[in-house]
Amino acid sequence: MACRVPELLGAGGATGEATGALWKLAESGRQLDANVVRLAPGTRVAPHVEPDLDVLLVVVAGDGMLDGGEVPRELTEGAVVWLPHGSTRGITAGGDGLAYLTVHRRRPGMQIRRRTG
């Protein structure tokens, strides 16, 4: 499967009207999951912990901030960030919006876990 990021984003780039997941892998039998996500200017994904999966994040358009570590990190077009499992991460889109690709191992099926905290 092949596609081009500019075609996914359309003429609006990071500031286009559609937000959320613009594209995702859907082929059966795959070992990876990947998504292209666009956030409108100023919107955010609240900080959260991914306990199971490392995630690779690639900024494809716009800018923003990565929160959750000791020091917030600026996200600009072309940035590549590895988010190890167990780390806290949140993303806030800048004034031009933010579009990014995430890639990670395919999530395992539902699991029963002990409640923590």
PDB file of N, CA and C in Angstrom:
ATOM      1  N   MET A   1       0.838  -1.173   0.000  1.00  0.00           N
ATOM      2  CA  MET A   1       0.000   0.000   0.000  1.00  0.00           C
ATOM      3  C   MET A   1       0.888   1.243   0.000  1.00  0.00           C
ATOM      4  N   ALA A   2       0.569   2.197  -0.820  1.00  0.00           N
ATOM      5  CA  ALA A   2       1.346   3.434  -0.881  1.00  0.00           C
ATOM      6  C   ALA A   2       0.401   4.626  -0.971  1.00  0.00           C
ATOM      7  N   CYS A   3       0.800   5.719  -0.351  1.00  0.00           N
ATOM      8  CA  CYS A   3       0.072   6.981  -0.469  1.00  0.00           C
ATOM      9  C   CYS A   3       1.076   8.102  -0.212  1.00  0.00           C
ATOM     10  N   ARG A   4       0.677   9.312  -0.534  1.00  0.00           N
ATOM     11  CA  ARG A   4       1.542  10.468  -0.324  1.00  0.00           C
ATOM     12  C   ARG A   4       0.896  11.369   0.722  1.00  0.00           C
ATOM     13  N   VAL A   5       1.699  11.823   1.683  1.00  0.00           N
ATOM     14  CA  VAL A   5       1.183  12.635   2.780  1.00  0.00           C
ATOM     15  C   VAL A   5       0.490  13.900   2.282  1.00  0.00           C
ATOM     16  N   PRO A   6       1.058  14.660   1.323  1.00  0.00           N
ATOM     17  CA  PRO A   6       0.347  15.860   0.870  1.00  0.00           C
ATOM     18  C   PRO A   6      -1.062  15.551   0.343  1.00  0.00           C
ATOM     19  N   GLU A   7      -1.227  14.406  -0.294  1.00  0.00           N
ATOM     20  CA  GLU A   7      -2.564  14.037  -0.781  1.00  0.00           C
ATOM     21  C   GLU A   7      -3.503  13.753   0.382  1.00  0.00           C
ATOM     22  N   LEU A   8      -3.015  13.144   1.453  1.00  0.00           N
ATOM     23  CA  LEU A   8      -3.832  12.882   2.630  1.00  0.00           C
ATOM     24  C   LEU A   8      -4.268  14.174   3.300  1.00  0.00           C
ATOM     25  N   LEU A   9      -3.345  15.144   3.366  1.00  0.00           N
ATOM     26  CA  LEU A   9      -3.636  16.402   4.048  1.00  0.00           C
ATOM     27  C   LEU A   9      -4.468  17.343   3.205  1.00  0.00           C
ATOM     28  N   GLY A  10      -4.373  17.235   1.892  1.00  0.00           N
ATOM     29  CA  GLY A  10      -5.113  18.135   1.015  1.00  0.00           C
ATOM     30  C   GLY A  10      -4.508  19.526   1.006  1.00  0.00           C
ATOM     31  N   ALA A  11      -5.197  20.443   0.376  1.00  0.00           N
ATOM     32  CA  ALA A  11      -4.688  21.799   0.181  1.00  0.00           C
ATOM     33  C   ALA A  11      -4.472  22.545   1.490  1.00  0.00           C
ATOM     34  N   GLY A  12      -5.215  22.179   2.550  1.00  0.00           N
ATOM     35  CA  GLY A  12      -5.101  22.893   3.816  1.00  0.00           C
ATOM     36  C   GLY A  12      -3.882  22.531   4.634  1.00  0.00           C
ATOM     37  N   GLY A  13      -3.162  21.467   4.255  1.00  0.00           N
ATOM     38  CA  GLY A  13      -2.001  21.052   5.049  1.00  0.00           C
ATOM     39  C   GLY A  13      -2.398  20.799   6.486  1.00  0.00           C
ATOM     40  N   ALA A  14      -1.656  21.369   7.424  1.00  0.00           N
ATOM     41  CA  ALA A  14      -1.934  21.170   8.844  1.00  0.00           C
ATOM     42  C   ALA A  14      -3.204  21.870   9.291  1.00  0.00           C
ATOM     43  N   THR A  15      -3.651  22.881   8.532  1.00  0.00           N
ATOM     44  CA  THR A  15      -4.822  23.654   8.960  1.00  0.00           C
ATOM     45  C   THR A  15      -6.098  23.262   8.226  1.00  0.00           C
ATOM     46  N   GLY A  16      -6.103  22.140   7.525  1.00  0.00           N
ATOM     47  CA  GLY A  16      -7.301  21.706   6.808  1.00  0.00           C
ATOM     48  C   GLY A  16      -8.483  21.503   7.727  1.00  0.00           C
ATOM     49  N   GLU A  17      -9.667  21.389   7.141  1.00  0.00           N
ATOM     50  CA  GLU A  17     -10.893  21.279   7.932  1.00  0.00           C
ATOM     51  C   GLU A  17     -11.035  19.952   8.647  1.00  0.00           C
ATOM     52  N   ALA A  18     -10.706  18.852   7.991  1.00  0.00           N
ATOM     53  CA  ALA A  18     -10.864  17.540   8.617  1.00  0.00           C
ATOM     54  C   ALA A  18      -9.829  17.370   9.719  1.00  0.00           C
ATOM     55  N   THR A  19     -10.257  16.851  10.874  1.00  0.00           N
ATOM     56  CA  THR A  19      -9.343  16.582  11.976  1.00  0.00           C
ATOM     57  C   THR A  19      -9.515  15.136  12.429  1.00  0.00           C
ATOM     58  N   GLY A  20      -8.624  14.700  13.287  1.00  0.00           N
ATOM     59  CA  GLY A  20      -8.650  13.318  13.739  1.00  0.00           C
ATOM     60  C   GLY A  20      -7.807  12.464  12.824  1.00  0.00           C
ATOM     61  N   ALA A  21      -8.083  11.173  12.815  1.00  0.00           N
ATOM     62  CA  ALA A  21      -7.317  10.247  11.981  1.00  0.00           C
ATOM     63  C   ALA A  21      -7.737  10.419  10.523  1.00  0.00           C
ATOM     64  N   LEU A  22      -6.812  10.882   9.684  1.00  0.00           N
ATOM     65  CA  LEU A  22      -7.086  11.072   8.256  1.00  0.00           C
ATOM     66  C   LEU A  22      -6.804   9.804   7.462  1.00  0.00           C
ATOM     67  N   TRP A  23      -5.943   8.944   8.019  1.00  0.00           N
ATOM     68  CA  TRP A  23      -5.553   7.708   7.333  1.00  0.00           C
ATOM     69  C   TRP A  23      -5.064   6.722   8.377  1.00  0.00           C
ATOM     70  N   LYS A  24      -5.290   5.431   8.128  1.00  0.00           N
ATOM     71  CA  LYS A  24      -4.729   4.402   8.992  1.00  0.00           C
ATOM     72  C   LYS A  24      -4.563   3.112   8.220  1.00  0.00           C
ATOM     73  N   LEU A  25      -3.599   2.312   8.661  1.00  0.00           N
ATOM     74  CA  LEU A  25      -3.429   0.987   8.076  1.00  0.00           C
ATOM     75  C   LEU A  25      -4.649   0.149   8.438  1.00  0.00           C
ATOM     76  N   ALA A  26      -5.147  -0.612   7.490  1.00  0.00           N
ATOM     77  CA  ALA A  26      -6.334  -1.425   7.765  1.00  0.00           C
ATOM     78  C   ALA A  26      -6.209  -2.844   7.220  1.00  0.00           C
ATOM     79  N   GLU A  27      -5.087  -3.169   6.607  1.00  0.00           N
ATOM     80  CA  GLU A  27      -4.919  -4.482   6.005  1.00  0.00           C
ATOM     81  C   GLU A  27      -4.912  -5.572   7.075  1.00  0.00           C
ATOM     82  N   SER A  28      -5.568  -6.684   6.802  1.00  0.00           N
ATOM     83  CA  SER A  28      -5.582  -7.780   7.759  1.00  0.00           C
ATOM     84  C   SER A  28      -4.214  -8.457   7.792  1.00  0.00           C
ATOM     85  N   GLY A  29      -3.877  -9.061   8.907  1.00  0.00           N
ATOM     86  CA  GLY A  29      -2.631  -9.787   9.041  1.00  0.00           C
ATOM     87  C   GLY A  29      -1.404  -8.924   9.252  1.00  0.00           C
ATOM     88  N   ARG A  30      -1.581  -7.607   9.377  1.00  0.00           N
ATOM     89  CA  ARG A  30      -0.423  -6.724   9.531  1.00  0.00           C
ATOM     90  C   ARG A  30       0.156  -6.833  10.941  1.00  0.00           C
ATOM     91  N   GLN A  31       1.426  -6.493  11.086  1.00  0.00           N
ATOM     92  CA  GLN A  31       2.088  -6.472  12.384  1.00  0.00           C
ATOM     93  C   GLN A  31       2.237  -5.053  12.927  1.00  0.00           C
ATOM     94  N   LEU A  32       1.997  -4.050  12.087  1.00  0.00           N
ATOM     95  CA  LEU A  32       2.117  -2.648  12.491  1.00  0.00           C
ATOM     96  C   LEU A  32       0.767  -1.953  12.423  1.00  0.00           C
ATOM     97  N   ASP A  33       0.627  -0.914  13.229  1.00  0.00           N
ATOM     98  CA  ASP A  33      -0.452   0.044  13.088  1.00  0.00           C
ATOM     99  C   ASP A  33       0.199   1.385  12.779  1.00  0.00           C
ATOM    100  N   ALA A  34      -0.456   2.174  11.964  1.00  0.00           N
ATOM    101  CA  ALA A  34       0.028   3.505  11.633  1.00  0.00           C
ATOM    102  C   ALA A  34      -1.173   4.394  11.367  1.00  0.00           C
ATOM    103  N   ASN A  35      -1.060   5.666  11.739  1.00  0.00           N
ATOM    104  CA  ASN A  35      -2.125   6.651  11.556  1.00  0.00           C
ATOM    105  C   ASN A  35      -1.521   7.980  11.153  1.00  0.00           C
ATOM    106  N   VAL A  36      -2.234   8.715  10.320  1.00  0.00           N
ATOM    107  CA  VAL A  36      -1.929  10.129  10.108  1.00  0.00           C
ATOM    108  C   VAL A  36      -3.053  10.891  10.783  1.00  0.00           C
ATOM    109  N   VAL A  37      -2.680  11.746  11.746  1.00  0.00           N
ATOM    110  CA  VAL A  37      -3.640  12.474  12.571  1.00  0.00           C
ATOM    111  C   VAL A  37      -3.435  13.966  12.366  1.00  0.00           C
ATOM    112  N   ARG A  38      -4.551  14.699  12.270  1.00  0.00           N
ATOM    113  CA  ARG A  38      -4.453  16.164  12.192  1.00  0.00           C
ATOM    114  C   ARG A  38      -5.216  16.764  13.367  1.00  0.00           C
ATOM    115  N   LEU A  39      -4.556  17.699  14.071  1.00  0.00           N
ATOM    116  CA  LEU A  39      -5.173  18.447  15.151  1.00  0.00           C
ATOM    117  C   LEU A  39      -5.374  19.886  14.695  1.00  0.00           C
ATOM    118  N   ALA A  40      -6.537  20.440  14.981  1.00  0.00           N
ATOM    119  CA  ALA A  40      -6.818  21.838  14.655  1.00  0.00           C
ATOM    120  C   ALA A  40      -5.947  22.738  15.533  1.00  0.00           C
ATOM    121  N   PRO A  41      -5.698  23.971  15.087  1.00  0.00           N
ATOM    122  CA  PRO A  41      -4.879  24.888  15.883  1.00  0.00           C
ATOM    123  C   PRO A  41      -5.370  24.979  17.328  1.00  0.00           C
ATOM    124  N   GLY A  42      -4.426  24.853  18.271  1.00  0.00           N
ATOM    125  CA  GLY A  42      -4.733  25.007  19.685  1.00  0.00           C
ATOM    126  C   GLY A  42      -5.374  23.804  20.361  1.00  0.00           C
ATOM    127  N   THR A  43      -5.737  22.762  19.621  1.00  0.00           N
ATOM    128  CA  THR A  43      -6.354  21.601  20.262  1.00  0.00           C
ATOM    129  C   THR A  43      -5.278  20.678  20.808  1.00  0.00           C
ATOM    130  N   ARG A  44      -5.702  19.744  21.663  1.00  0.00           N
ATOM    131  CA  ARG A  44      -4.689  18.914  22.293  1.00  0.00           C
ATOM    132  C   ARG A  44      -5.181  17.509  22.540  1.00  0.00           C
ATOM    133  N   VAL A  45      -4.229  16.615  22.582  1.00  0.00           N
ATOM    134  CA  VAL A  45      -4.432  15.256  23.066  1.00  0.00           C
ATOM    135  C   VAL A  45      -3.919  15.292  24.499  1.00  0.00           C
ATOM    136  N   ALA A  46      -4.795  15.043  25.461  1.00  0.00           N
ATOM    137  CA  ALA A  46      -4.424  15.142  26.871  1.00  0.00           C
ATOM    138  C   ALA A  46      -3.298  14.163  27.209  1.00  0.00           C
ATOM    139  N   PRO A  47      -2.446  14.534  28.145  1.00  0.00           N
ATOM    140  CA  PRO A  47      -1.380  13.621  28.550  1.00  0.00           C
ATOM    141  C   PRO A  47      -1.941  12.275  29.005  1.00  0.00           C
ATOM    142  N   HIS A  48      -1.292  11.220  28.588  1.00  0.00           N
ATOM    143  CA  HIS A  48      -1.691   9.855  28.917  1.00  0.00           C
ATOM    144  C   HIS A  48      -0.464   8.960  28.878  1.00  0.00           C
ATOM    145  N   VAL A  49      -0.592   7.787  29.462  1.00  0.00           N
ATOM    146  CA  VAL A  49       0.501   6.811  29.474  1.00  0.00           C
ATOM    147  C   VAL A  49       0.115   5.666  28.558  1.00  0.00           C
ATOM    148  N   GLU A  50       1.023   5.288  27.683  1.00  0.00           N
ATOM    149  CA  GLU A  50       0.852   4.094  26.854  1.00  0.00           C
ATOM    150  C   GLU A  50       1.685   3.001  27.512  1.00  0.00           C
ATOM    151  N   PRO A  51       1.037   2.053  28.219  1.00  0.00           N
ATOM    152  CA  PRO A  51       1.808   1.076  28.985  1.00  0.00           C
ATOM    153  C   PRO A  51       2.472  -0.019  28.153  1.00  0.00           C
ATOM    154  N   ASP A  52       1.957  -0.305  26.962  1.00  0.00           N
ATOM    155  CA  ASP A  52       2.402  -1.488  26.231  1.00  0.00           C
ATOM    156  C   ASP A  52       3.266  -1.230  25.005  1.00  0.00           C
ATOM    157  N   LEU A  53       3.074  -0.109  24.346  1.00  0.00           N
ATOM    158  CA  LEU A  53       3.669   0.062  23.022  1.00  0.00           C
ATOM    159  C   LEU A  53       4.608   1.252  22.934  1.00  0.00           C
ATOM    160  N   ASP A  54       5.769   1.050  22.321  1.00  0.00           N
ATOM    161  CA  ASP A  54       6.596   2.166  21.881  1.00  0.00           C
ATOM    162  C   ASP A  54       5.901   2.777  20.667  1.00  0.00           C
ATOM    163  N   VAL A  55       5.996   4.082  20.518  1.00  0.00           N
ATOM    164  CA  VAL A  55       5.382   4.772  19.385  1.00  0.00           C
ATOM    165  C   VAL A  55       6.420   5.675  18.738  1.00  0.00           C
ATOM    166  N   LEU A  56       6.478   5.639  17.419  1.00  0.00           N
ATOM    167  CA  LEU A  56       7.305   6.562  16.653  1.00  0.00           C
ATOM    168  C   LEU A  56       6.365   7.621  16.095  1.00  0.00           C
ATOM    169  N   LEU A  57       6.674   8.887  16.339  1.00  0.00           N
ATOM    170  CA  LEU A  57       5.851   9.999  15.883  1.00  0.00           C
ATOM    171  C   LEU A  57       6.676  10.834  14.915  1.00  0.00           C
ATOM    172  N   VAL A  58       6.117  11.129  13.737  1.00  0.00           N
ATOM    173  CA  VAL A  58       6.791  11.950  12.727  1.00  0.00           C
ATOM    174  C   VAL A  58       5.862  13.110  12.381  1.00  0.00           C
ATOM    175  N   VAL A  59       6.324  14.336  12.598  1.00  0.00           N
ATOM    176  CA  VAL A  59       5.516  15.514  12.269  1.00  0.00           C
ATOM    177  C   VAL A  59       5.588  15.739  10.760  1.00  0.00           C
ATOM    178  N   VAL A  60       4.415  15.739  10.102  1.00  0.00           N
ATOM    179  CA  VAL A  60       4.383  15.897   8.652  1.00  0.00           C
ATOM    180  C   VAL A  60       3.936  17.295   8.220  1.00  0.00           C
ATOM    181  N   ALA A  61       3.325  18.058   9.118  1.00  0.00           N
ATOM    182  CA  ALA A  61       2.934  19.439   8.789  1.00  0.00           C
ATOM    183  C   ALA A  61       2.602  20.180  10.082  1.00  0.00           C
ATOM    184  N   GLY A  62       2.805  21.481  10.075  1.00  0.00           N
ATOM    185  CA  GLY A  62       2.455  22.318  11.218  1.00  0.00           C
ATOM    186  C   GLY A  62       3.465  22.250  12.334  1.00  0.00           C
ATOM    187  N   ASP A  63       2.990  22.628  13.529  1.00  0.00           N
ATOM    188  CA  ASP A  63       3.864  22.634  14.695  1.00  0.00           C
ATOM    189  C   ASP A  63       3.031  22.454  15.953  1.00  0.00           C
ATOM    190  N   GLY A  64       3.741  22.260  17.075  1.00  0.00           N
ATOM    191  CA  GLY A  64       3.051  22.083  18.347  1.00  0.00           C
ATOM    192  C   GLY A  64       4.042  21.769  19.443  1.00  0.00           C
ATOM    193  N   MET A  65       3.518  21.223  20.547  1.00  0.00           N
ATOM    194  CA  MET A  65       4.343  20.882  21.704  1.00  0.00           C
ATOM    195  C   MET A  65       4.017  19.460  22.146  1.00  0.00           C
ATOM    196  N   LEU A  66       5.059  18.762  22.565  1.00  0.00           N
ATOM    197  CA  LEU A  66       4.925  17.440  23.160  1.00  0.00           C
ATOM    198  C   LEU A  66       5.081  17.622  24.664  1.00  0.00           C
ATOM    199  N   ASP A  67       4.048  17.253  25.410  1.00  0.00           N
ATOM    200  CA  ASP A  67       4.047  17.404  26.857  1.00  0.00           C
ATOM    201  C   ASP A  67       4.182  16.034  27.508  1.00  0.00           C
ATOM    202  N   GLY A  68       4.536  16.043  28.776  1.00  0.00           N
ATOM    203  CA  GLY A  68       4.550  14.793  29.523  1.00  0.00           C
ATOM    204  C   GLY A  68       5.909  14.432  30.073  1.00  0.00           C
ATOM    205  N   GLY A  69       6.956  14.870  29.435  1.00  0.00           N
ATOM    206  CA  GLY A  69       8.296  14.632  29.965  1.00  0.00           C
ATOM    207  C   GLY A  69       8.630  15.695  30.986  1.00  0.00           C
ATOM    208  N   GLU A  70       9.870  15.712  31.412  1.00  0.00           N
ATOM    209  CA  GLU A  70      10.287  16.740  32.363  1.00  0.00           C
ATOM    210  C   GLU A  70      10.246  18.122  31.737  1.00  0.00           C
ATOM    211  N   VAL A  71      10.568  18.201  30.453  1.00  0.00           N
ATOM    212  CA  VAL A  71      10.577  19.479  29.735  1.00  0.00           C
ATOM    213  C   VAL A  71       9.752  19.320  28.467  1.00  0.00           C
ATOM    214  N   PRO A  72       8.753  20.207  28.235  1.00  0.00           N
ATOM    215  CA  PRO A  72       7.998  20.121  26.973  1.00  0.00           C
ATOM    216  C   PRO A  72       8.949  20.254  25.784  1.00  0.00           C
ATOM    217  N   ARG A  73       8.636  19.527  24.706  1.00  0.00           N
ATOM    218  CA  ARG A  73       9.483  19.562  23.510  1.00  0.00           C
ATOM    219  C   ARG A  73       8.702  20.161  22.357  1.00  0.00           C
ATOM    220  N   GLU A  74       9.353  21.040  21.626  1.00  0.00           N
ATOM    221  CA  GLU A  74       8.736  21.649  20.455  1.00  0.00           C
ATOM    222  C   GLU A  74       8.669  20.621  19.330  1.00  0.00           C
ATOM    223  N   LEU A  75       7.529  20.585  18.662  1.00  0.00           N
ATOM    224  CA  LEU A  75       7.347  19.725  17.498  1.00  0.00           C
ATOM    225  C   LEU A  75       7.248  20.609  16.265  1.00  0.00           C
ATOM    226  N   THR A  76       8.116  20.373  15.289  1.00  0.00           N
ATOM    227  CA  THR A  76       8.071  21.106  14.034  1.00  0.00           C
ATOM    228  C   THR A  76       8.098  20.106  12.886  1.00  0.00           C
ATOM    229  N   GLU A  77       7.706  20.556  11.713  1.00  0.00           N
ATOM    230  CA  GLU A  77       7.667  19.675  10.548  1.00  0.00           C
ATOM    231  C   GLU A  77       9.005  18.960  10.362  1.00  0.00           C
ATOM    232  N   GLY A  78       8.932  17.659  10.199  1.00  0.00           N
ATOM    233  CA  GLY A  78      10.122  16.848  10.015  1.00  0.00           C
ATOM    234  C   GLY A  78      10.654  16.221  11.296  1.00  0.00           C
ATOM    235  N   ALA A  79      10.159  16.651  12.454  1.00  0.00           N
ATOM    236  CA  ALA A  79      10.622  16.081  13.723  1.00  0.00           C
ATOM    237  C   ALA A  79      10.229  14.607  13.815  1.00  0.00           C
ATOM    238  N   VAL A  80      11.161  13.801  14.336  1.00  0.00           N
ATOM    239  CA  VAL A  80      10.921  12.387  14.581  1.00  0.00           C
ATOM    240  C   VAL A  80      11.152  12.154  16.069  1.00  0.00           C
ATOM    241  N   VAL A  81      10.145  11.583  16.741  1.00  0.00           N
ATOM    242  CA  VAL A  81      10.230  11.396  18.185  1.00  0.00           C
ATOM    243  C   VAL A  81       9.866   9.960  18.522  1.00  0.00           C
ATOM    244  N   TRP A  82      10.708   9.317  19.335  1.00  0.00           N
ATOM    245  CA  TRP A  82      10.398   7.991  19.854  1.00  0.00           C
ATOM    246  C   TRP A  82       9.778   8.172  21.229  1.00  0.00           C
ATOM    247  N   LEU A  83       8.598   7.581  21.422  1.00  0.00           N
ATOM    248  CA  LEU A  83       7.896   7.632  22.700  1.00  0.00           C
ATOM    249  C   LEU A  83       7.892   6.219  23.283  1.00  0.00           C
ATOM    250  N   PRO A  84       8.780   5.935  24.237  1.00  0.00           N
ATOM    251  CA  PRO A  84       8.864   4.577  24.769  1.00  0.00           C
ATOM    252  C   PRO A  84       7.619   4.199  25.570  1.00  0.00           C
ATOM    253  N   HIS A  85       7.303   2.905  25.584  1.00  0.00           N
ATOM    254  CA  HIS A  85       6.159   2.452  26.367  1.00  0.00           C
ATOM    255  C   HIS A  85       6.394   2.826  27.830  1.00  0.00           C
ATOM    256  N   GLY A  86       5.297   3.133  28.513  1.00  0.00           N
ATOM    257  CA  GLY A  86       5.379   3.556  29.906  1.00  0.00           C
ATOM    258  C   GLY A  86       5.578   5.039  30.091  1.00  0.00           C
ATOM    259  N   SER A  87       5.869   5.759  29.017  1.00  0.00           N
ATOM    260  CA  SER A  87       6.081   7.204  29.143  1.00  0.00           C
ATOM    261  C   SER A  87       4.749   7.946  29.041  1.00  0.00           C
ATOM    262  N   THR A  88       4.715   9.125  29.668  1.00  0.00           N
ATOM    263  CA  THR A  88       3.549   9.998  29.575  1.00  0.00           C
ATOM    264  C   THR A  88       3.751  10.917  28.392  1.00  0.00           C
ATOM    265  N   ARG A  89       2.680  11.067  27.597  1.00  0.00           N
ATOM    266  CA  ARG A  89       2.770  11.964  26.447  1.00  0.00           C
ATOM    267  C   ARG A  89       1.432  12.643  26.210  1.00  0.00           C
ATOM    268  N   GLY A  90       1.511  13.909  25.830  1.00  0.00           N
ATOM    269  CA  GLY A  90       0.368  14.708  25.421  1.00  0.00           C
ATOM    270  C   GLY A  90       0.852  15.603  24.290  1.00  0.00           C
ATOM    271  N   ILE A  91      -0.056  15.989  23.410  1.00  0.00           N
ATOM    272  CA  ILE A  91       0.332  16.792  22.245  1.00  0.00           C
ATOM    273  C   ILE A  91      -0.611  17.980  22.139  1.00  0.00           C
ATOM    274  N   THR A  92      -0.042  19.160  21.932  1.00  0.00           N
ATOM    275  CA  THR A  92      -0.831  20.370  21.719  1.00  0.00           C
ATOM    276  C   THR A  92      -0.435  20.967  20.375  1.00  0.00           C
ATOM    277  N   ALA A  93      -1.430  21.205  19.522  1.00  0.00           N
ATOM    278  CA  ALA A  93      -1.180  21.794  18.210  1.00  0.00           C
ATOM    279  C   ALA A  93      -0.885  23.280  18.351  1.00  0.00           C
ATOM    280  N   GLY A  94       0.023  23.770  17.527  1.00  0.00           N
ATOM    281  CA  GLY A  94       0.345  25.189  17.495  1.00  0.00           C
ATOM    282  C   GLY A  94      -0.696  25.976  16.702  1.00  0.00           C
ATOM    283  N   GLY A  95      -0.386  27.223  16.436  1.00  0.00           N
ATOM    284  CA  GLY A  95      -1.300  28.129  15.748  1.00  0.00           C
ATOM    285  C   GLY A  95      -1.621  27.749  14.319  1.00  0.00           C
ATOM    286  N   ASP A  96      -0.765  26.932  13.706  1.00  0.00           N
ATOM    287  CA  ASP A  96      -1.012  26.481  12.334  1.00  0.00           C
ATOM    288  C   ASP A  96      -1.587  25.072  12.283  1.00  0.00           C
ATOM    289  N   GLY A  97      -1.935  24.501  13.443  1.00  0.00           N
ATOM    290  CA  GLY A  97      -2.390  23.118  13.479  1.00  0.00           C
ATOM    291  C   GLY A  97      -1.186  22.185  13.448  1.00  0.00           C
ATOM    292  N   LEU A  98      -1.471  20.894  13.510  1.00  0.00           N
ATOM    293  CA  LEU A  98      -0.414  19.897  13.560  1.00  0.00           C
ATOM    294  C   LEU A  98      -0.912  18.622  12.896  1.00  0.00           C
ATOM    295  N   ALA A  99      -0.089  18.053  12.041  1.00  0.00           N
ATOM    296  CA  ALA A  99      -0.387  16.753  11.438  1.00  0.00           C
ATOM    297  C   ALA A  99       0.822  15.861  11.672  1.00  0.00           C
ATOM    298  N   TYR A 100       0.543  14.632  12.094  1.00  0.00           N
ATOM    299  CA  TYR A 100       1.655  13.731  12.400  1.00  0.00           C
ATOM    300  C   TYR A 100       1.284  12.290  12.068  1.00  0.00           C
ATOM    301  N   LEU A 101       2.323  11.518  11.821  1.00  0.00           N
ATOM    302  CA  LEU A 101       2.215  10.089  11.569  1.00  0.00           C
ATOM    303  C   LEU A 101       2.668   9.367  12.826  1.00  0.00           C
ATOM    304  N   THR A 102       1.894   8.381  13.268  1.00  0.00           N
ATOM    305  CA  THR A 102       2.343   7.517  14.355  1.00  0.00           C
ATOM    306  C   THR A 102       2.470   6.101  13.820  1.00  0.00           C
ATOM    307  N   VAL A 103       3.493   5.403  14.289  1.00  0.00           N
ATOM    308  CA  VAL A 103       3.725   4.014  13.896  1.00  0.00           C
ATOM    309  C   VAL A 103       4.073   3.232  15.159  1.00  0.00           C
ATOM    310  N   HIS A 104       3.425   2.093  15.318  1.00  0.00           N
ATOM    311  CA  HIS A 104       3.710   1.237  16.467  1.00  0.00           C
ATOM    312  C   HIS A 104       3.306  -0.194  16.144  1.00  0.00           C
ATOM    313  N   ARG A 105       3.801  -1.105  16.957  1.00  0.00           N
ATOM    314  CA  ARG A 105       3.412  -2.500  16.835  1.00  0.00           C
ATOM    315  C   ARG A 105       1.895  -2.581  16.998  1.00  0.00           C
ATOM    316  N   ARG A 106       1.288  -3.488  16.272  1.00  0.00           N
ATOM    317  CA  ARG A 106      -0.155  -3.635  16.357  1.00  0.00           C
ATOM    318  C   ARG A 106      -0.541  -3.985  17.783  1.00  0.00           C
ATOM    319  N   ARG A 107      -1.554  -3.303  18.269  1.00  0.00           N
ATOM    320  CA  ARG A 107      -2.001  -3.466  19.649  1.00  0.00           C
ATOM    321  C   ARG A 107      -2.554  -4.872  19.860  1.00  0.00           C
ATOM    322  N   PRO A 108      -2.161  -5.508  20.968  1.00  0.00           N
ATOM    323  CA  PRO A 108      -2.719  -6.826  21.249  1.00  0.00           C
ATOM    324  C   PRO A 108      -4.213  -6.709  21.544  1.00  0.00           C
ATOM    325  N   GLY A 109      -4.905  -7.814  21.497  1.00  0.00           N
ATOM    326  CA  GLY A 109      -6.337  -7.816  21.815  1.00  0.00           C
ATOM    327  C   GLY A 109      -6.574  -7.388  23.253  1.00  0.00           C
ATOM    328  N   MET A 110      -7.829  -7.281  23.625  1.00  0.00           N
ATOM    329  CA  MET A 110      -8.203  -6.888  24.982  1.00  0.00           C
ATOM    330  C   MET A 110      -7.538  -7.808  25.999  1.00  0.00           C
ATOM    331  N   GLN A 111      -7.063  -7.211  27.094  1.00  0.00           N
ATOM    332  CA  GLN A 111      -6.407  -7.970  28.145  1.00  0.00           C
ATOM    333  C   GLN A 111      -6.989  -7.586  29.488  1.00  0.00           C
ATOM    334  N   ILE A 112      -7.049  -8.545  30.388  1.00  0.00           N
ATOM    335  CA  ILE A 112      -7.485  -8.263  31.763  1.00  0.00           C
ATOM    336  C   ILE A 112      -6.229  -7.945  32.559  1.00  0.00           C
ATOM    337  N   ARG A 113      -6.281  -6.819  33.269  1.00  0.00           N
ATOM    338  CA  ARG A 113      -5.130  -6.379  34.056  1.00  0.00           C
ATOM    339  C   ARG A 113      -5.574  -6.075  35.477  1.00  0.00           C
ATOM    340  N   ARG A 114      -4.605  -6.086  36.359  1.00  0.00           N
ATOM    341  CA  ARG A 114      -4.872  -5.630  37.730  1.00  0.00           C
ATOM    342  C   ARG A 114      -4.988  -4.127  37.730  1.00  0.00           C
ATOM    343  N   ARG A 115      -5.875  -3.638  38.506  1.00  0.00           N
ATOM    344  CA  ARG A 115      -6.041  -2.193  38.644  1.00  0.00           C
ATOM    345  C   ARG A 115      -4.875  -1.630  39.451  1.00  0.00           C
ATOM    346  N   THR A 116      -4.315  -0.511  38.990  1.00  0.00           N
ATOM    347  CA  THR A 116      -3.215   0.118  39.708  1.00  0.00           C
ATOM    348  C   THR A 116      -3.704   1.389  40.372  1.00  0.00           C
ATOM    349  N   GLY A 117      -3.068   1.748  41.460  1.00  0.00           N
ATOM    350  CA  GLY A 117      -3.360   3.012  42.130  1.00  0.00           C
ATOM    351  C   GLY A 117      -4.489   2.929  42.997  1.00  0.00           C
TER     352      GLY A 117
END
